[in-house]
N, C-alpha and C. Protein backbone atom coordinates (compact mmCIF):
# COMPACT_ATOMS: atom_id res chain seq x y z
N UNK A 1 76.76 114.80 77.98
CA UNK A 1 76.52 113.69 78.88
C UNK A 1 76.86 114.08 80.31
N UNK A 2 75.98 113.73 81.20
CA UNK A 2 76.18 114.05 82.61
C UNK A 2 77.36 113.25 83.18
N UNK A 3 78.23 113.93 83.90
CA UNK A 3 79.37 113.28 84.53
C UNK A 3 80.57 113.09 83.62
N UNK A 4 80.47 113.54 82.39
CA UNK A 4 81.60 113.40 81.46
C UNK A 4 82.16 114.77 81.15
N UNK A 5 83.48 114.81 80.98
CA UNK A 5 84.10 116.06 80.55
C UNK A 5 85.29 115.75 79.66
N UNK A 6 85.56 116.63 78.75
CA UNK A 6 86.70 116.46 77.85
C UNK A 6 87.95 117.01 78.52
N UNK A 7 89.04 116.28 78.33
CA UNK A 7 90.32 116.76 78.84
C UNK A 7 91.35 116.68 77.72
N UNK A 8 92.31 117.56 77.76
CA UNK A 8 93.38 117.55 76.77
C UNK A 8 94.45 116.56 77.20
N UNK A 9 95.00 115.86 76.23
CA UNK A 9 96.08 114.91 76.51
C UNK A 9 97.19 115.10 75.49
N UNK A 10 98.35 114.52 75.79
CA UNK A 10 99.43 114.49 74.81
C UNK A 10 100.23 113.21 75.04
N UNK A 11 100.93 112.78 74.02
CA UNK A 11 101.74 111.58 74.16
C UNK A 11 102.99 111.89 74.97
N UNK A 12 103.62 110.83 75.47
CA UNK A 12 104.88 111.00 76.20
C UNK A 12 105.91 111.69 75.32
N UNK A 13 106.06 111.22 74.09
CA UNK A 13 107.06 111.81 73.19
C UNK A 13 106.77 113.28 72.92
N UNK A 14 105.51 113.66 72.78
CA UNK A 14 105.15 115.08 72.60
C UNK A 14 105.50 115.89 73.85
N UNK A 15 105.28 115.32 75.02
CA UNK A 15 105.62 115.98 76.28
C UNK A 15 107.13 116.21 76.37
N UNK A 16 107.90 115.19 76.02
CA UNK A 16 109.36 115.29 76.04
C UNK A 16 109.82 116.39 75.09
N UNK A 17 109.26 116.44 73.89
CA UNK A 17 109.62 117.48 72.92
C UNK A 17 109.19 118.86 73.39
N UNK A 18 107.98 118.97 73.91
CA UNK A 18 107.43 120.26 74.35
C UNK A 18 108.32 120.91 75.41
N UNK A 19 108.81 120.11 76.35
CA UNK A 19 109.64 120.64 77.43
C UNK A 19 111.14 120.47 77.18
N UNK A 20 111.48 120.00 75.98
CA UNK A 20 112.87 119.82 75.58
C UNK A 20 113.67 119.02 76.62
N UNK A 21 113.13 117.87 76.99
CA UNK A 21 113.76 117.02 77.99
C UNK A 21 114.79 116.10 77.35
N UNK A 22 115.97 116.02 77.96
CA UNK A 22 116.99 115.09 77.50
C UNK A 22 116.96 113.80 78.30
N UNK A 23 116.55 113.89 79.56
CA UNK A 23 116.43 112.71 80.40
C UNK A 23 115.35 112.93 81.45
N UNK A 24 114.83 111.84 81.94
CA UNK A 24 113.81 111.88 83.00
C UNK A 24 114.25 110.88 84.06
N UNK A 25 114.37 111.35 85.31
CA UNK A 25 114.80 110.47 86.39
C UNK A 25 113.67 109.59 86.91
N UNK A 26 112.48 110.16 87.07
CA UNK A 26 111.39 109.42 87.70
C UNK A 26 110.06 109.74 87.02
N UNK A 27 109.27 108.70 86.79
CA UNK A 27 107.92 108.86 86.27
C UNK A 27 106.98 108.12 87.22
N UNK A 28 105.96 108.80 87.71
CA UNK A 28 104.94 108.20 88.56
C UNK A 28 103.64 108.25 87.78
N UNK A 29 102.98 107.13 87.64
CA UNK A 29 101.73 107.17 86.90
C UNK A 29 100.67 106.26 87.50
N UNK A 30 99.45 106.75 87.42
CA UNK A 30 98.26 106.01 87.82
C UNK A 30 97.14 106.54 86.93
N UNK A 31 97.01 105.96 85.76
CA UNK A 31 96.04 106.48 84.78
C UNK A 31 94.95 105.45 84.47
N UNK A 32 94.53 104.77 85.54
CA UNK A 32 93.36 103.88 85.49
C UNK A 32 93.40 102.89 84.33
N UNK A 33 94.53 102.22 84.15
CA UNK A 33 94.62 101.18 83.14
C UNK A 33 95.17 101.63 81.80
N UNK A 34 95.45 102.91 81.64
CA UNK A 34 95.97 103.41 80.37
C UNK A 34 97.48 103.32 80.24
N UNK A 35 98.14 102.76 81.24
CA UNK A 35 99.60 102.73 81.26
C UNK A 35 100.19 102.01 80.05
N UNK A 36 99.62 100.90 79.66
CA UNK A 36 100.19 100.13 78.55
C UNK A 36 100.16 100.93 77.25
N UNK A 37 99.14 101.75 77.07
CA UNK A 37 99.08 102.60 75.87
C UNK A 37 100.23 103.59 75.86
N UNK A 38 100.56 104.12 77.02
CA UNK A 38 101.68 105.06 77.12
C UNK A 38 102.98 104.35 76.76
N UNK A 39 103.23 103.19 77.36
CA UNK A 39 104.49 102.49 77.12
C UNK A 39 104.65 102.02 75.69
N UNK A 40 103.57 101.67 75.04
CA UNK A 40 103.66 101.24 73.64
C UNK A 40 104.22 102.34 72.75
N UNK A 41 103.91 103.59 73.08
CA UNK A 41 104.31 104.70 72.20
C UNK A 41 105.57 105.44 72.66
N UNK A 42 106.11 105.11 73.82
CA UNK A 42 107.28 105.83 74.33
C UNK A 42 108.55 105.46 73.57
N UNK A 43 109.23 106.48 73.01
CA UNK A 43 110.50 106.24 72.34
C UNK A 43 111.58 107.23 72.78
N UNK A 44 111.19 108.34 73.39
CA UNK A 44 112.14 109.41 73.73
C UNK A 44 112.28 109.58 75.24
N UNK A 45 113.52 109.88 75.67
CA UNK A 45 113.81 110.21 77.07
C UNK A 45 113.12 109.25 78.04
N UNK A 46 113.36 107.96 77.85
CA UNK A 46 112.74 106.97 78.72
C UNK A 46 113.19 107.21 80.16
N UNK A 47 112.25 107.24 81.10
CA UNK A 47 112.59 107.51 82.50
C UNK A 47 113.52 106.44 83.08
N UNK A 48 114.39 106.86 83.98
CA UNK A 48 115.28 105.91 84.65
C UNK A 48 114.47 105.00 85.57
N UNK A 49 113.49 105.56 86.26
CA UNK A 49 112.68 104.78 87.20
C UNK A 49 111.21 105.11 86.97
N UNK A 50 110.36 104.09 87.05
CA UNK A 50 108.91 104.26 86.88
C UNK A 50 108.21 103.61 88.06
N UNK A 51 107.29 104.34 88.66
CA UNK A 51 106.44 103.79 89.71
C UNK A 51 105.01 103.92 89.21
N UNK A 52 104.28 102.80 89.19
CA UNK A 52 102.91 102.87 88.68
C UNK A 52 101.97 101.97 89.45
N UNK A 53 100.72 102.34 89.42
CA UNK A 53 99.62 101.50 89.88
C UNK A 53 98.87 101.09 88.62
N UNK A 54 98.54 99.83 88.50
CA UNK A 54 97.84 99.38 87.31
C UNK A 54 96.62 98.56 87.71
N UNK A 55 95.51 98.82 87.03
CA UNK A 55 94.23 98.16 87.32
C UNK A 55 93.98 97.01 86.35
N UNK A 56 94.57 95.86 86.63
CA UNK A 56 94.36 94.69 85.77
C UNK A 56 92.97 94.09 85.97
N UNK A 57 92.28 94.53 87.03
CA UNK A 57 90.97 93.98 87.36
C UNK A 57 89.82 94.66 86.62
N UNK A 58 90.10 95.70 85.84
CA UNK A 58 89.06 96.42 85.11
C UNK A 58 88.94 95.81 83.71
N UNK A 59 87.77 95.26 83.34
CA UNK A 59 87.62 94.59 82.05
C UNK A 59 87.96 95.46 80.84
N UNK A 60 87.73 96.76 80.92
CA UNK A 60 87.97 97.65 79.78
C UNK A 60 89.45 97.97 79.58
N UNK A 61 90.30 97.58 80.53
CA UNK A 61 91.73 97.90 80.45
C UNK A 61 92.38 97.02 79.39
N UNK A 62 93.08 97.66 78.42
CA UNK A 62 93.73 96.88 77.37
C UNK A 62 94.97 96.16 77.88
N UNK A 63 95.26 95.00 77.31
CA UNK A 63 96.48 94.28 77.63
C UNK A 63 96.41 93.51 78.94
N UNK A 64 97.43 92.70 79.14
CA UNK A 64 97.52 91.89 80.35
C UNK A 64 98.75 92.32 81.14
N UNK A 65 98.84 91.82 82.36
CA UNK A 65 100.01 92.12 83.18
C UNK A 65 101.27 91.61 82.49
N UNK A 66 101.20 90.42 81.92
CA UNK A 66 102.36 89.83 81.23
C UNK A 66 102.78 90.70 80.05
N UNK A 67 101.81 91.21 79.30
CA UNK A 67 102.12 92.08 78.16
C UNK A 67 102.81 93.36 78.62
N UNK A 68 102.31 93.95 79.70
CA UNK A 68 102.91 95.17 80.23
C UNK A 68 104.34 94.91 80.71
N UNK A 69 104.53 93.84 81.46
CA UNK A 69 105.87 93.52 81.96
C UNK A 69 106.83 93.21 80.82
N UNK A 70 106.39 92.46 79.81
CA UNK A 70 107.23 92.17 78.65
C UNK A 70 107.62 93.44 77.92
N UNK A 71 106.68 94.35 77.78
CA UNK A 71 106.95 95.63 77.11
C UNK A 71 108.01 96.42 77.88
N UNK A 72 107.88 96.47 79.20
CA UNK A 72 108.87 97.17 80.02
C UNK A 72 110.24 96.51 79.90
N UNK A 73 110.29 95.18 79.90
CA UNK A 73 111.56 94.47 79.78
C UNK A 73 112.21 94.76 78.43
N UNK A 74 111.41 94.79 77.35
CA UNK A 74 111.95 95.08 76.02
C UNK A 74 112.53 96.49 75.94
N UNK A 75 111.99 97.40 76.74
CA UNK A 75 112.49 98.78 76.75
C UNK A 75 113.65 98.95 77.73
N UNK A 76 114.13 97.83 78.30
CA UNK A 76 115.31 97.87 79.14
C UNK A 76 115.07 98.02 80.63
N UNK A 77 113.85 97.74 81.10
CA UNK A 77 113.54 97.89 82.51
C UNK A 77 113.57 96.56 83.25
N UNK A 78 114.06 96.61 84.48
CA UNK A 78 113.95 95.50 85.43
C UNK A 78 112.73 95.85 86.27
N UNK A 79 111.81 94.91 86.46
CA UNK A 79 110.57 95.23 87.16
C UNK A 79 110.46 94.49 88.49
N UNK A 80 109.76 95.13 89.41
CA UNK A 80 109.47 94.54 90.72
C UNK A 80 107.99 94.79 90.99
N UNK A 81 107.28 93.73 91.29
CA UNK A 81 105.84 93.84 91.56
C UNK A 81 105.60 93.72 93.05
N UNK A 82 104.83 94.63 93.59
CA UNK A 82 104.43 94.58 94.99
C UNK A 82 103.14 93.78 95.06
N UNK A 83 103.23 92.52 95.42
CA UNK A 83 102.05 91.65 95.40
C UNK A 83 101.16 91.87 96.61
N UNK A 84 99.92 91.45 96.45
CA UNK A 84 98.94 91.57 97.52
C UNK A 84 98.28 92.94 97.59
N UNK A 85 98.63 93.82 96.68
CA UNK A 85 98.05 95.16 96.67
C UNK A 85 97.09 95.27 95.50
N UNK A 86 96.06 96.04 95.66
CA UNK A 86 95.12 96.30 94.56
C UNK A 86 94.87 97.79 94.52
N UNK A 87 95.16 98.51 93.49
CA UNK A 87 95.68 98.00 92.23
C UNK A 87 97.12 97.50 92.37
N UNK A 88 97.56 96.73 91.38
CA UNK A 88 98.92 96.19 91.37
C UNK A 88 99.92 97.34 91.32
N UNK A 89 100.93 97.26 92.17
CA UNK A 89 101.99 98.26 92.19
C UNK A 89 103.21 97.68 91.48
N UNK A 90 103.74 98.40 90.49
CA UNK A 90 104.91 97.94 89.75
C UNK A 90 105.97 99.03 89.81
N UNK A 91 107.17 98.63 90.19
CA UNK A 91 108.30 99.55 90.21
C UNK A 91 109.27 99.05 89.15
N UNK A 92 109.69 99.93 88.26
CA UNK A 92 110.58 99.55 87.16
C UNK A 92 111.82 100.42 87.19
N UNK A 93 112.97 99.79 87.06
CA UNK A 93 114.25 100.50 87.04
C UNK A 93 114.92 100.19 85.72
N UNK A 94 115.32 101.23 85.00
CA UNK A 94 115.95 101.04 83.70
C UNK A 94 117.41 100.70 83.88
N UNK A 95 117.86 99.70 83.16
CA UNK A 95 119.27 99.29 83.20
C UNK A 95 120.05 100.21 82.26
N UNK A 96 120.79 101.13 82.83
CA UNK A 96 121.52 102.09 81.99
C UNK A 96 122.99 101.76 82.02
């Protein structure tokens, strides 16, 4: 297909294992709406701070803003949303 290419991916937990990480201070992500999929599967070396852009305006993006924020809160994060920006900017700090 024209304009399409395959790329290799790995889960967060696989990345943590591959690099033998015990802790992560900062995670920056902008994966065009795929953020919620990442957070659903994260169990290892949860980052202390996360900065992300999320595209809630794209119909194909799974989940809602509320679902993403609830998921972050359940994983121990305090969240701050930068309103008036598109895509939505969310800064999350883990309560350690």
